[in-house]
C-alpha atoms as a PDB file:
ATOM      1  CA  MET A   1     -18.557   0.990  15.625  1.00  0.00           C
ATOM      2  CA  ALA A   2     -16.601  -2.004  16.343  1.00  0.00           C
ATOM      3  CA  ALA A   3     -13.741  -2.081  17.655  1.00  0.00           C
ATOM      4  CA  GLN A   4     -10.581  -2.234  16.046  1.00  0.00           C
ATOM      5  CA  LYS A   5     -10.096  -6.697  15.164  1.00  0.00           C
ATOM      6  CA  ALA A   6      -6.767  -8.207  14.286  1.00  0.00           C
ATOM      7  CA  LEU A   7      -5.389 -11.034  11.859  1.00  0.00           C
ATOM      8  CA  SER A   8      -2.534 -12.315   9.640  1.00  0.00           C
ATOM      9  CA  LEU A   9      -2.839 -13.847   6.614  1.00  0.00           C
ATOM     10  CA  ASN A  10      -0.640 -15.940   4.625  1.00  0.00           C
ATOM     11  CA  ILE A  11      -0.720 -16.232   1.216  1.00  0.00           C
ATOM     12  CA  GLN A  12       1.451 -18.981  -0.780  1.00  0.00           C
ATOM     13  CA  ASP A  13       0.980 -17.916  -3.756  1.00  0.00           C
ATOM     14  CA  VAL A  14      -0.015 -15.981  -6.690  1.00  0.00           C
ATOM     15  CA  GLN A  15      -2.427 -17.714  -7.689  1.00  0.00           C
ATOM     16  CA  THR A  16      -3.943 -17.313  -4.531  1.00  0.00           C
ATOM     17  CA  LEU A  17      -3.408 -14.067  -4.087  1.00  0.00           C
ATOM     18  CA  LEU A  18      -4.719 -13.092  -7.702  1.00  0.00           C
ATOM     19  CA  SER A  19      -8.204 -14.683  -6.311  1.00  0.00           C
ATOM     20  CA  ALA A  20      -7.380 -12.513  -2.983  1.00  0.00           C
ATOM     21  CA  TYR A  21      -6.425  -9.175  -4.026  1.00  0.00           C
ATOM     22  CA  MET A  22      -9.542  -6.394  -4.589  1.00  0.00           C
ATOM     23  CA  PRO A  23      -8.237  -3.994  -6.897  1.00  0.00           C
ATOM     24  CA  MET A  24     -11.090  -2.553  -7.563  1.00  0.00           C
ATOM     25  CA  LEU A  25     -11.419  -0.142  -4.699  1.00  0.00           C
ATOM     26  CA  GLU A  26      -9.553   3.073  -5.051  1.00  0.00           C
ATOM     27  CA  ARG A  27      -6.375   2.002  -2.850  1.00  0.00           C
ATOM     28  CA  GLY A  28      -6.264  -1.510  -2.821  1.00  0.00           C
ATOM     29  CA  GLY A  29      -7.596  -3.914  -0.887  1.00  0.00           C
ATOM     30  CA  ILE A  30      -7.261  -8.243  -0.158  1.00  0.00           C
ATOM     31  CA  PHE A  31     -10.003 -10.449   0.747  1.00  0.00           C
ATOM     32  CA  VAL A  32      -9.158 -12.252   4.530  1.00  0.00           C
ATOM     33  CA  PRO A  33     -10.809 -15.765   4.782  1.00  0.00           C
ATOM     34  CA  THR A  34     -12.570 -15.124   8.277  1.00  0.00           C
ATOM     35  CA  ARG A  35     -15.305 -17.279  10.077  1.00  0.00           C
ATOM     36  CA  GLU A  36     -15.310 -14.231  13.092  1.00  0.00           C
ATOM     37  CA  ARG A  37     -18.197 -11.204  12.578  1.00  0.00           C
ATOM     38  CA  TYR A  38     -17.055  -7.809  10.912  1.00  0.00           C
ATOM     39  CA  GLU A  39     -19.380  -4.935   9.935  1.00  0.00           C
ATOM     40  CA  LEU A  40     -18.820  -2.570   7.187  1.00  0.00           C
ATOM     41  CA  GLY A  41     -16.663   0.322   8.408  1.00  0.00           C
ATOM     42  CA  GLN A  42     -14.801  -1.778  10.547  1.00  0.00           C
ATOM     43  CA  GLU A  43     -11.133  -1.043  11.292  1.00  0.00           C
ATOM     44  CA  VAL A  44      -8.985  -3.518  11.093  1.00  0.00           C
ATOM     45  CA  TYR A  45      -4.991  -4.128  11.567  1.00  0.00           C
ATOM     46  CA  LEU A  46      -3.426  -6.977   9.114  1.00  0.00           C
ATOM     47  CA  LEU A  47      -0.428  -8.938   8.921  1.00  0.00           C
ATOM     48  CA  LEU A  48       0.260  -9.933   5.629  1.00  0.00           C
ATOM     49  CA  THR A  49       2.764 -12.316   4.545  1.00  0.00           C
ATOM     50  CA  LEU A  50       2.772 -12.124   0.387  1.00  0.00           C
ATOM     51  CA  PRO A  51       3.752 -14.936  -1.852  1.00  0.00           C
ATOM     52  CA  GLY A  52       7.937 -16.390  -1.856  1.00  0.00           C
ATOM     53  CA  GLU A  53       8.097 -13.357   1.409  1.00  0.00           C
ATOM     54  CA  ASN A  54       9.041 -14.201   4.781  1.00  0.00           C
ATOM     55  CA  ASP A  55       8.008 -10.801   6.139  1.00  0.00           C
ATOM     56  CA  ARG A  56       4.888 -10.155   8.063  1.00  0.00           C
ATOM     57  CA  VAL A  57       3.567  -6.495   6.196  1.00  0.00           C
ATOM     58  CA  PRO A  58       1.469  -4.371   8.190  1.00  0.00           C
ATOM     59  CA  VAL A  59      -1.642  -3.390   7.255  1.00  0.00           C
ATOM     60  CA  THR A  60      -4.203  -1.053   8.281  1.00  0.00           C
ATOM     61  CA  GLY A  61      -7.773  -1.291   6.919  1.00  0.00           C
ATOM     62  CA  GLN A  62     -11.315  -0.790   6.521  1.00  0.00           C
ATOM     63  CA  VAL A  63     -13.991  -3.792   6.008  1.00  0.00           C
ATOM     64  CA  VAL A  64     -16.132  -2.932   2.578  1.00  0.00           C
ATOM     65  CA  TRP A  65     -16.866  -6.317   1.734  1.00  0.00           C
ATOM     66  CA  ILE A  66     -18.426  -9.291   3.853  1.00  0.00           C
ATOM     67  CA  SER A  67     -18.987 -12.982   3.010  1.00  0.00           C
ATOM     68  CA  PRO A  68     -20.859 -14.508   6.078  1.00  0.00           C
ATOM     69  CA  GLU A  69     -21.329 -17.813   6.544  1.00  0.00           C
ATOM     70  CA  GLY A  70     -23.025 -20.135   4.270  1.00  0.00           C
ATOM     71  CA  VAL A  71     -22.743 -17.651   1.390  1.00  0.00           C
ATOM     72  CA  SER A  72     -23.244 -20.020  -1.933  1.00  0.00           C
ATOM     73  CA  GLY A  73     -20.698 -20.474  -5.192  1.00  0.00           C
ATOM     74  CA  ARG A  74     -17.377 -19.967  -5.750  1.00  0.00           C
ATOM     75  CA  ARG A  75     -17.350 -17.242  -2.351  1.00  0.00           C
ATOM     76  CA  ILE A  76     -15.863 -18.647   1.251  1.00  0.00           C
ATOM     77  CA  PRO A  77     -16.799 -16.171   4.385  1.00  0.00           C
ATOM     78  CA  GLY A  78     -14.561 -14.045   5.051  1.00  0.00           C
ATOM     79  CA  ILE A  79     -13.639 -10.347   4.967  1.00  0.00           C
ATOM     80  CA  GLY A  80     -12.727  -7.224   2.053  1.00  0.00           C
ATOM     81  CA  ILE A  81      -9.528  -5.274   3.573  1.00  0.00           C
ATOM     82  CA  GLN A  82      -9.799  -2.062   2.053  1.00  0.00           C
ATOM     83  CA  PHE A  83      -6.271  -0.581   2.292  1.00  0.00           C
ATOM     84  CA  GLY A  84      -5.314   2.554   3.671  1.00  0.00           C
ATOM     85  CA  PRO A  85      -3.943   5.373   2.957  1.00  0.00           C
ATOM     86  CA  ALA A  86       0.046   4.399   4.053  1.00  0.00           C
ATOM     87  CA  ASP A  87      -0.393   1.456   2.553  1.00  0.00           C
ATOM     88  CA  GLN A  88       0.356   2.245  -0.967  1.00  0.00           C
ATOM     89  CA  ALA A  89       3.235   0.521  -0.768  1.00  0.00           C
ATOM     90  CA  VAL A  90       1.343  -2.591  -0.462  1.00  0.00           C
ATOM     91  CA  ARG A  91      -0.394  -2.158  -2.970  1.00  0.00           C
ATOM     92  CA  ASP A  92       1.849  -1.512  -5.480  1.00  0.00           C
ATOM     93  CA  ARG A  93       4.256  -4.595  -3.939  1.00  0.00           C
ATOM     94  CA  ILE A  94       1.326  -7.006  -4.959  1.00  0.00           C
ATOM     95  CA  GLU A  95       0.450  -5.311  -7.790  1.00  0.00           C
ATOM     96  CA  ASN A  96       3.910  -5.854  -9.288  1.00  0.00           C
ATOM     97  CA  LEU A  97       4.028  -9.960  -7.590  1.00  0.00           C
ATOM     98  CA  LEU A  98       0.995  -9.990 -10.242  1.00  0.00           C
ATOM     99  CA  ALA A  99       2.143  -8.267 -12.919  1.00  0.00           C
ATOM    100  CA  GLY A 100       0.265  -9.201 -16.510  1.00  0.00           C
ATOM    101  CA  HIS A 101      -2.424 -11.520 -14.819  1.00  0.00           C
ATOM    102  CA  LEU A 102      -4.700  -8.495 -13.044  1.00  0.00           C
ATOM    103  CA  ASP A 103      -6.712  -7.604 -16.650  1.00  0.00           C
ATOM    104  CA  LYS A 104      -7.404 -11.703 -17.470  1.00  0.00           C
ATOM    105  CA  GLY A 105     -10.268 -12.048 -15.710  1.00  0.00           C
ATOM    106  CA  ALA A 106      -9.689 -14.346 -12.921  1.00  0.00           C
ATOM    107  CA  LEU A 107     -11.575 -15.778 -10.801  1.00  0.00           C
ATOM    108  CA  THR A 108     -11.932 -13.876  -7.481  1.00  0.00           C
ATOM    109  CA  TYR A 109     -13.160 -14.866  -3.247  1.00  0.00           C
ATOM    110  CA  THR A 110     -15.570 -11.305  -3.634  1.00  0.00           C
ATOM    111  CA  ILE A 111     -16.734 -10.353  -7.558  1.00  0.00           C
END
């Protein structure tokens, strides 16, 4: 298993957050655009800035989705990170920001 890596993601608006959020995961998750190589199951440390906020929220999770370089369709290269058990507050903040949008079938960076 590869060593833990650190990433930073600044999400500027609710539409981008909606495309990046992964509500289908048990604890929620987020898609992070990157061209770096990761392995499924790899632990990742993420500093996440949500729309309308200045503070970076620390998240520790695991890679559960990989969109490799050259992926087709709307997808861009990157990884999906499932939030860790201690990140429930982050999931709650995201879902509050996305209230009323999650059930509308919006296009995502993953599925």
